[in-house]
């Protein structure tokens, strides 16, 4: 599997996990912080996977 595809899949898993944690535990401050960290990580990996895809197309 290509690197950009695996990074994209990991980013989607992190985003989904962050959303699920935020929805399931709205009163827990610790879970909200973990969900926020996972969301930031998911968005960052998503952008990185997209940039790698563009870079591989140019080569």
C-alpha atoms as a PDB file:
ATOM      1  CA  UNK A   1       0.000   0.000   0.000  1.00  0.00           C
ATOM      2  CA  UNK A   2       1.277   3.453  -0.826  1.00  0.00           C
ATOM      3  CA  UNK A   3       2.340   5.767   1.957  1.00  0.00           C
ATOM      4  CA  UNK A   4      -0.166   8.488   1.137  1.00  0.00           C
ATOM      5  CA  UNK A   5      -3.078   6.033   1.215  1.00  0.00           C
ATOM      6  CA  UNK A   6      -2.066   4.595   4.584  1.00  0.00           C
ATOM      7  CA  UNK A   7      -1.596   8.096   6.050  1.00  0.00           C
ATOM      8  CA  UNK A   8      -5.035   9.071   4.723  1.00  0.00           C
ATOM      9  CA  UNK A   9      -6.667   5.991   6.292  1.00  0.00           C
ATOM     10  CA  UNK A  10      -4.961   6.665   9.649  1.00  0.00           C
ATOM     11  CA  UNK A  11      -6.147  10.284   9.508  1.00  0.00           C
ATOM     12  CA  UNK A  12      -9.740   9.186   8.939  1.00  0.00           C
ATOM     13  CA  UNK A  13      -9.543   6.740  11.849  1.00  0.00           C
ATOM     14  CA  UNK A  14      -8.182   9.497  14.116  1.00  0.00           C
ATOM     15  CA  UNK A  15     -10.940  11.905  13.037  1.00  0.00           C
ATOM     16  CA  UNK A  16     -13.672   9.324  13.580  1.00  0.00           C
ATOM     17  CA  UNK A  17     -12.247   8.364  16.986  1.00  0.00           C
ATOM     18  CA  UNK A  18     -12.143  12.029  18.020  1.00  0.00           C
ATOM     19  CA  UNK A  19     -15.742  12.592  16.976  1.00  0.00           C
ATOM     20  CA  UNK A  20     -16.921   9.444  18.741  1.00  0.00           C
ATOM     21  CA  UNK A  21     -15.118  10.417  21.956  1.00  0.00           C
ATOM     22  CA  UNK A  22     -16.620  13.913  21.842  1.00  0.00           C
ATOM     23  CA  UNK A  23     -20.144  12.586  21.289  1.00  0.00           C
ATOM     24  CA  UNK A  24     -20.011   9.699  23.763  1.00  0.00           C
ATOM     25  CA  UNK A  25     -18.448  11.646  26.669  1.00  0.00           C
ATOM     26  CA  UNK A  26     -19.617  15.260  26.512  1.00  0.00           C
ATOM     27  CA  UNK A  27     -19.167  15.834  30.274  1.00  0.00           C
ATOM     28  CA  UNK A  28     -15.643  14.455  30.636  1.00  0.00           C
ATOM     29  CA  UNK A  29     -12.986  17.138  30.268  1.00  0.00           C
ATOM     30  CA  UNK A  30     -10.244  14.540  29.823  1.00  0.00           C
ATOM     31  CA  UNK A  31     -12.061  12.840  26.938  1.00  0.00           C
ATOM     32  CA  UNK A  32     -12.777  16.201  25.336  1.00  0.00           C
ATOM     33  CA  UNK A  33      -9.057  17.023  25.433  1.00  0.00           C
ATOM     34  CA  UNK A  34      -8.151  13.644  23.935  1.00  0.00           C
ATOM     35  CA  UNK A  35     -10.837  14.107  21.261  1.00  0.00           C
ATOM     36  CA  UNK A  36      -9.430  17.541  20.404  1.00  0.00           C
ATOM     37  CA  UNK A  37      -5.919  16.124  20.114  1.00  0.00           C
ATOM     38  CA  UNK A  38      -7.116  13.305  17.878  1.00  0.00           C
ATOM     39  CA  UNK A  39      -9.002  15.760  15.692  1.00  0.00           C
ATOM     40  CA  UNK A  40      -5.936  17.979  15.250  1.00  0.00           C
ATOM     41  CA  UNK A  41      -3.813  14.912  14.518  1.00  0.00           C
ATOM     42  CA  UNK A  42      -6.393  13.639  12.021  1.00  0.00           C
ATOM     43  CA  UNK A  43      -6.565  16.948  10.150  1.00  0.00           C
ATOM     44  CA  UNK A  44      -2.778  17.232  10.065  1.00  0.00           C
ATOM     45  CA  UNK A  45      -2.346  13.718   8.721  1.00  0.00           C
ATOM     46  CA  UNK A  46      -5.132  14.292   6.207  1.00  0.00           C
ATOM     47  CA  UNK A  47      -3.376  17.366   4.809  1.00  0.00           C
ATOM     48  CA  UNK A  48      -0.039  15.514   4.792  1.00  0.00           C
ATOM     49  CA  UNK A  49      -1.544  12.584   2.880  1.00  0.00           C
ATOM     50  CA  UNK A  50      -3.072  14.972   0.364  1.00  0.00           C
ATOM     51  CA  UNK A  51       0.227  16.797  -0.136  1.00  0.00           C
ATOM     52  CA  UNK A  52       2.072  13.506  -0.646  1.00  0.00           C
ATOM     53  CA  UNK A  53      -0.488  12.493  -3.259  1.00  0.00           C
ATOM     54  CA  UNK A  54       0.050  15.741  -5.175  1.00  0.00           C
ATOM     55  CA  UNK A  55       3.831  15.398  -4.927  1.00  0.00           C
ATOM     56  CA  UNK A  56       3.738  11.799  -6.243  1.00  0.00           C
ATOM     57  CA  UNK A  57       1.619  12.841  -9.233  1.00  0.00           C
ATOM     58  CA  UNK A  58       4.205  15.480 -10.226  1.00  0.00           C
ATOM     59  CA  UNK A  59       7.041  12.931 -10.290  1.00  0.00           C
END
